[in-house]
């Protein structure tokens, strides 16, 4: 049993080195890792899945592309809330949801994204926490694409354009 554990640890170390090699080949991975909850695996999977930031016309399309957008089933006046579409890469979607769990969890660093997600979870009733997780994962996917396009690190509390105008 000890031999198997040692072999697994060696395999994990080899895979960690491979992921670090990807970071050298794709420098945008280091940029995306500045976001809370986004480690080397999430960043590498995001970059390799999307390929290039120009894949989508707008940043908001990232959430829909990864299947993190609620399905719509409108009929007349009826507009029921449905589950997410689950299209796109299921592995990356699950990684983003895990990142969202870290952000909203006990040890998540304080940021505007965390405050927004916790507020959403508190106001959502019985299923509020689950919906907030998916919403934060979707917003994280959008933020990561924006960071990649603009080549800017994650800002915990970004200033909006109106705040910048008032400061000047």
C-alpha atoms as a PDB file:
ATOM      1  CA  UNK A   1       0.000   0.000   0.000  1.00  0.00           C
ATOM      2  CA  UNK A   2       2.870   2.385   0.806  1.00  0.00           C
ATOM      3  CA  UNK A   3       4.400   1.682  -2.618  1.00  0.00           C
ATOM      4  CA  UNK A   4       1.123   2.607  -4.307  1.00  0.00           C
ATOM      5  CA  UNK A   5       0.883   5.853  -2.324  1.00  0.00           C
ATOM      6  CA  UNK A   6       4.483   6.725  -3.212  1.00  0.00           C
ATOM      7  CA  UNK A   7       3.792   5.982  -6.887  1.00  0.00           C
ATOM      8  CA  UNK A   8       0.649   8.152  -6.835  1.00  0.00           C
ATOM      9  CA  UNK A   9       2.578  11.015  -5.220  1.00  0.00           C
ATOM     10  CA  UNK A  10       5.236  10.714  -7.923  1.00  0.00           C
ATOM     11  CA  UNK A  11       2.565  10.764 -10.651  1.00  0.00           C
ATOM     12  CA  UNK A  12       0.953  13.849  -9.092  1.00  0.00           C
ATOM     13  CA  UNK A  13       4.328  15.610  -8.947  1.00  0.00           C
ATOM     14  CA  UNK A  14       4.916  14.800 -12.633  1.00  0.00           C
ATOM     15  CA  UNK A  15       1.514  16.203 -13.578  1.00  0.00           C
ATOM     16  CA  UNK A  16       2.157  19.360 -11.525  1.00  0.00           C
ATOM     17  CA  UNK A  17       5.355  19.887 -13.521  1.00  0.00           C
ATOM     18  CA  UNK A  18       3.408  19.462 -16.765  1.00  0.00           C
ATOM     19  CA  UNK A  19       0.915  22.111 -15.660  1.00  0.00           C
ATOM     20  CA  UNK A  20       3.790  24.447 -14.753  1.00  0.00           C
ATOM     21  CA  UNK A  21       5.178  23.820 -18.250  1.00  0.00           C
ATOM     22  CA  UNK A  22       1.848  24.958 -19.702  1.00  0.00           C
ATOM     23  CA  UNK A  23       2.141  28.188 -17.709  1.00  0.00           C
ATOM     24  CA  UNK A  24       5.460  28.906 -19.442  1.00  0.00           C
ATOM     25  CA  UNK A  25       3.930  28.205 -22.849  1.00  0.00           C
ATOM     26  CA  UNK A  26       0.754  30.206 -22.135  1.00  0.00           C
ATOM     27  CA  UNK A  27       1.603  33.312 -20.042  1.00  0.00           C
ATOM     28  CA  UNK A  28      -2.092  34.218 -19.741  1.00  0.00           C
ATOM     29  CA  UNK A  29      -2.465  31.344 -17.252  1.00  0.00           C
ATOM     30  CA  UNK A  30      -0.416  33.338 -14.704  1.00  0.00           C
ATOM     31  CA  UNK A  31      -2.657  36.354 -15.319  1.00  0.00           C
ATOM     32  CA  UNK A  32      -5.874  34.384 -14.731  1.00  0.00           C
ATOM     33  CA  UNK A  33      -4.474  32.858 -11.534  1.00  0.00           C
ATOM     34  CA  UNK A  34      -4.677  36.285  -9.874  1.00  0.00           C
ATOM     35  CA  UNK A  35      -8.451  35.785  -9.525  1.00  0.00           C
ATOM     36  CA  UNK A  36      -9.582  34.222  -6.219  1.00  0.00           C
ATOM     37  CA  UNK A  37     -10.260  30.499  -6.408  1.00  0.00           C
ATOM     38  CA  UNK A  38      -8.510  30.161  -9.751  1.00  0.00           C
ATOM     39  CA  UNK A  39      -5.518  27.868  -9.492  1.00  0.00           C
ATOM     40  CA  UNK A  40      -3.218  26.489 -12.161  1.00  0.00           C
ATOM     41  CA  UNK A  41      -5.660  23.759 -13.179  1.00  0.00           C
ATOM     42  CA  UNK A  42      -8.649  26.073 -13.621  1.00  0.00           C
ATOM     43  CA  UNK A  43      -6.631  28.703 -15.486  1.00  0.00           C
ATOM     44  CA  UNK A  44      -4.985  26.146 -17.787  1.00  0.00           C
ATOM     45  CA  UNK A  45      -8.297  24.455 -18.556  1.00  0.00           C
ATOM     46  CA  UNK A  46      -9.947  27.833 -19.245  1.00  0.00           C
ATOM     47  CA  UNK A  47      -7.190  28.962 -21.624  1.00  0.00           C
ATOM     48  CA  UNK A  48      -6.980  25.633 -23.439  1.00  0.00           C
ATOM     49  CA  UNK A  49     -10.771  25.309 -23.773  1.00  0.00           C
ATOM     50  CA  UNK A  50     -11.367  28.799 -25.158  1.00  0.00           C
ATOM     51  CA  UNK A  51      -8.169  28.912 -27.217  1.00  0.00           C
ATOM     52  CA  UNK A  52      -8.057  32.673 -27.649  1.00  0.00           C
ATOM     53  CA  UNK A  53     -10.040  35.560 -26.179  1.00  0.00           C
ATOM     54  CA  UNK A  54     -11.417  36.583 -29.576  1.00  0.00           C
ATOM     55  CA  UNK A  55     -13.468  33.360 -29.676  1.00  0.00           C
ATOM     56  CA  UNK A  56     -16.452  35.281 -28.340  1.00  0.00           C
ATOM     57  CA  UNK A  57     -17.769  38.674 -29.382  1.00  0.00           C
ATOM     58  CA  UNK A  58     -18.620  39.787 -25.848  1.00  0.00           C
ATOM     59  CA  UNK A  59     -17.360  38.745 -22.418  1.00  0.00           C
ATOM     60  CA  UNK A  60     -20.862  37.730 -21.323  1.00  0.00           C
ATOM     61  CA  UNK A  61     -20.936  34.951 -23.914  1.00  0.00           C
ATOM     62  CA  UNK A  62     -18.374  32.992 -21.873  1.00  0.00           C
ATOM     63  CA  UNK A  63     -21.005  31.915 -19.341  1.00  0.00           C
ATOM     64  CA  UNK A  64     -23.399  30.724 -22.017  1.00  0.00           C
ATOM     65  CA  UNK A  65     -20.600  28.977 -23.939  1.00  0.00           C
ATOM     66  CA  UNK A  66     -19.720  26.953 -20.839  1.00  0.00           C
ATOM     67  CA  UNK A  67     -23.352  26.069 -20.082  1.00  0.00           C
ATOM     68  CA  UNK A  68     -23.667  28.212 -16.963  1.00  0.00           C
ATOM     69  CA  UNK A  69     -26.681  30.149 -18.241  1.00  0.00           C
ATOM     70  CA  UNK A  70     -30.242  29.229 -17.198  1.00  0.00           C
ATOM     71  CA  UNK A  71     -32.346  27.530 -19.835  1.00  0.00           C
ATOM     72  CA  UNK A  72     -35.357  29.462 -21.067  1.00  0.00           C
ATOM     73  CA  UNK A  73     -38.745  27.910 -21.618  1.00  0.00           C
ATOM     74  CA  UNK A  74     -41.082  30.839 -22.145  1.00  0.00           C
ATOM     75  CA  UNK A  75     -44.651  30.292 -23.203  1.00  0.00           C
ATOM     76  CA  UNK A  76     -47.111  33.139 -23.184  1.00  0.00           C
ATOM     77  CA  UNK A  77     -47.070  34.792 -19.780  1.00  0.00           C
ATOM     78  CA  UNK A  78     -45.265  31.832 -18.211  1.00  0.00           C
ATOM     79  CA  UNK A  79     -41.543  32.329 -17.592  1.00  0.00           C
ATOM     80  CA  UNK A  80     -40.407  29.491 -15.292  1.00  0.00           C
ATOM     81  CA  UNK A  81     -36.938  29.373 -13.772  1.00  0.00           C
ATOM     82  CA  UNK A  82     -35.099  26.437 -15.274  1.00  0.00           C
ATOM     83  CA  UNK A  83     -31.743  24.792 -14.611  1.00  0.00           C
ATOM     84  CA  UNK A  84     -28.564  25.657 -16.480  1.00  0.00           C
ATOM     85  CA  UNK A  85     -28.110  24.534 -20.083  1.00  0.00           C
ATOM     86  CA  UNK A  86     -25.012  22.367 -19.327  1.00  0.00           C
ATOM     87  CA  UNK A  87     -23.616  22.818 -22.827  1.00  0.00           C
ATOM     88  CA  UNK A  88     -19.907  23.170 -23.427  1.00  0.00           C
ATOM     89  CA  UNK A  89     -17.020  21.670 -21.498  1.00  0.00           C
ATOM     90  CA  UNK A  90     -18.408  19.917 -18.403  1.00  0.00           C
ATOM     91  CA  UNK A  91     -14.983  19.623 -16.748  1.00  0.00           C
ATOM     92  CA  UNK A  92     -14.301  23.362 -16.950  1.00  0.00           C
ATOM     93  CA  UNK A  93     -17.843  24.064 -15.755  1.00  0.00           C
ATOM     94  CA  UNK A  94     -17.294  21.890 -12.673  1.00  0.00           C
ATOM     95  CA  UNK A  95     -13.919  23.560 -12.020  1.00  0.00           C
ATOM     96  CA  UNK A  96     -15.550  26.999 -12.151  1.00  0.00           C
ATOM     97  CA  UNK A  97     -18.272  25.882  -9.737  1.00  0.00           C
ATOM     98  CA  UNK A  98     -15.561  24.599  -7.369  1.00  0.00           C
ATOM     99  CA  UNK A  99     -13.836  27.972  -7.623  1.00  0.00           C
ATOM    100  CA  UNK A 100     -17.157  29.636  -6.806  1.00  0.00           C
ATOM    101  CA  UNK A 101     -17.508  27.385  -3.758  1.00  0.00           C
ATOM    102  CA  UNK A 102     -14.129  28.594  -2.531  1.00  0.00           C
ATOM    103  CA  UNK A 103     -15.030  32.236  -3.185  1.00  0.00           C
ATOM    104  CA  UNK A 104     -18.311  31.958  -1.259  1.00  0.00           C
ATOM    105  CA  UNK A 105     -16.882  29.659   1.404  1.00  0.00           C
ATOM    106  CA  UNK A 106     -15.550  30.463   4.824  1.00  0.00           C
ATOM    107  CA  UNK A 107     -11.983  31.146   3.679  1.00  0.00           C
ATOM    108  CA  UNK A 108     -12.754  33.029   0.464  1.00  0.00           C
ATOM    109  CA  UNK A 109     -10.955  36.370   0.202  1.00  0.00           C
ATOM    110  CA  UNK A 110     -13.072  39.488   0.470  1.00  0.00           C
ATOM    111  CA  UNK A 111     -13.964  40.922  -2.936  1.00  0.00           C
ATOM    112  CA  UNK A 112     -16.853  42.502  -4.774  1.00  0.00           C
ATOM    113  CA  UNK A 113     -17.602  39.141  -6.389  1.00  0.00           C
ATOM    114  CA  UNK A 114     -17.832  37.445  -2.975  1.00  0.00           C
ATOM    115  CA  UNK A 115     -20.089  40.191  -1.544  1.00  0.00           C
ATOM    116  CA  UNK A 116     -22.376  39.947  -4.581  1.00  0.00           C
ATOM    117  CA  UNK A 117     -22.552  36.147  -4.326  1.00  0.00           C
ATOM    118  CA  UNK A 118     -23.253  36.137  -0.580  1.00  0.00           C
ATOM    119  CA  UNK A 119     -25.992  38.738  -1.031  1.00  0.00           C
ATOM    120  CA  UNK A 120     -27.521  36.604  -3.789  1.00  0.00           C
ATOM    121  CA  UNK A 121     -27.334  33.474  -1.612  1.00  0.00           C
ATOM    122  CA  UNK A 122     -29.021  35.226   1.315  1.00  0.00           C
ATOM    123  CA  UNK A 123     -31.932  36.489  -0.777  1.00  0.00           C
ATOM    124  CA  UNK A 124     -32.561  33.287  -2.703  1.00  0.00           C
ATOM    125  CA  UNK A 125     -34.698  31.253  -0.320  1.00  0.00           C
ATOM    126  CA  UNK A 126     -34.251  27.469  -0.118  1.00  0.00           C
ATOM    127  CA  UNK A 127     -32.123  27.042  -3.207  1.00  0.00           C
ATOM    128  CA  UNK A 128     -30.340  30.375  -2.876  1.00  0.00           C
ATOM    129  CA  UNK A 129     -26.868  29.016  -2.120  1.00  0.00           C
ATOM    130  CA  UNK A 130     -26.874  26.634  -5.099  1.00  0.00           C
ATOM    131  CA  UNK A 131     -28.100  29.324  -7.464  1.00  0.00           C
ATOM    132  CA  UNK A 132     -25.550  31.752  -6.090  1.00  0.00           C
ATOM    133  CA  UNK A 133     -22.775  29.215  -6.733  1.00  0.00           C
ATOM    134  CA  UNK A 134     -23.731  28.902 -10.381  1.00  0.00           C
ATOM    135  CA  UNK A 135     -24.175  32.664 -10.717  1.00  0.00           C
ATOM    136  CA  UNK A 136     -20.729  33.321  -9.225  1.00  0.00           C
ATOM    137  CA  UNK A 137     -19.219  30.641 -11.490  1.00  0.00           C
ATOM    138  CA  UNK A 138     -20.848  32.313 -14.520  1.00  0.00           C
ATOM    139  CA  UNK A 139     -19.636  35.744 -13.438  1.00  0.00           C
ATOM    140  CA  UNK A 140     -16.147  34.331 -12.806  1.00  0.00           C
ATOM    141  CA  UNK A 141     -16.073  32.955 -16.362  1.00  0.00           C
ATOM    142  CA  UNK A 142     -16.992  36.421 -17.671  1.00  0.00           C
ATOM    143  CA  UNK A 143     -14.394  38.128 -15.464  1.00  0.00           C
ATOM    144  CA  UNK A 144     -11.676  35.700 -16.574  1.00  0.00           C
ATOM    145  CA  UNK A 145     -12.396  36.423 -20.235  1.00  0.00           C
ATOM    146  CA  UNK A 146     -12.336  40.166 -19.545  1.00  0.00           C
ATOM    147  CA  UNK A 147      -9.012  39.844 -17.708  1.00  0.00           C
ATOM    148  CA  UNK A 148      -7.566  37.817 -20.569  1.00  0.00           C
ATOM    149  CA  UNK A 149      -8.705  40.325 -23.201  1.00  0.00           C
ATOM    150  CA  UNK A 150      -7.536  43.411 -21.310  1.00  0.00           C
ATOM    151  CA  UNK A 151      -4.368  41.779 -19.926  1.00  0.00           C
ATOM    152  CA  UNK A 152      -5.226  43.089 -16.440  1.00  0.00           C
ATOM    153  CA  UNK A 153      -4.940  41.362 -13.095  1.00  0.00           C
ATOM    154  CA  UNK A 154      -7.974  40.705 -10.923  1.00  0.00           C
ATOM    155  CA  UNK A 155      -9.139  43.694  -8.898  1.00  0.00           C
ATOM    156  CA  UNK A 156     -10.890  42.808  -5.644  1.00  0.00           C
ATOM    157  CA  UNK A 157     -12.962  45.995  -5.591  1.00  0.00           C
ATOM    158  CA  UNK A 158     -12.768  47.596  -9.055  1.00  0.00           C
ATOM    159  CA  UNK A 159     -13.735  51.227  -9.433  1.00  0.00           C
ATOM    160  CA  UNK A 160     -16.603  51.818 -11.794  1.00  0.00           C
ATOM    161  CA  UNK A 161     -16.522  54.499 -14.474  1.00  0.00           C
ATOM    162  CA  UNK A 162     -18.853  56.724 -12.448  1.00  0.00           C
ATOM    163  CA  UNK A 163     -16.591  56.539  -9.387  1.00  0.00           C
ATOM    164  CA  UNK A 164     -13.585  57.410 -11.546  1.00  0.00           C
ATOM    165  CA  UNK A 165     -15.445  60.410 -13.031  1.00  0.00           C
ATOM    166  CA  UNK A 166     -16.320  61.695  -9.541  1.00  0.00           C
ATOM    167  CA  UNK A 167     -12.708  61.373  -8.382  1.00  0.00           C
ATOM    168  CA  UNK A 168     -11.421  63.568 -11.217  1.00  0.00           C
END
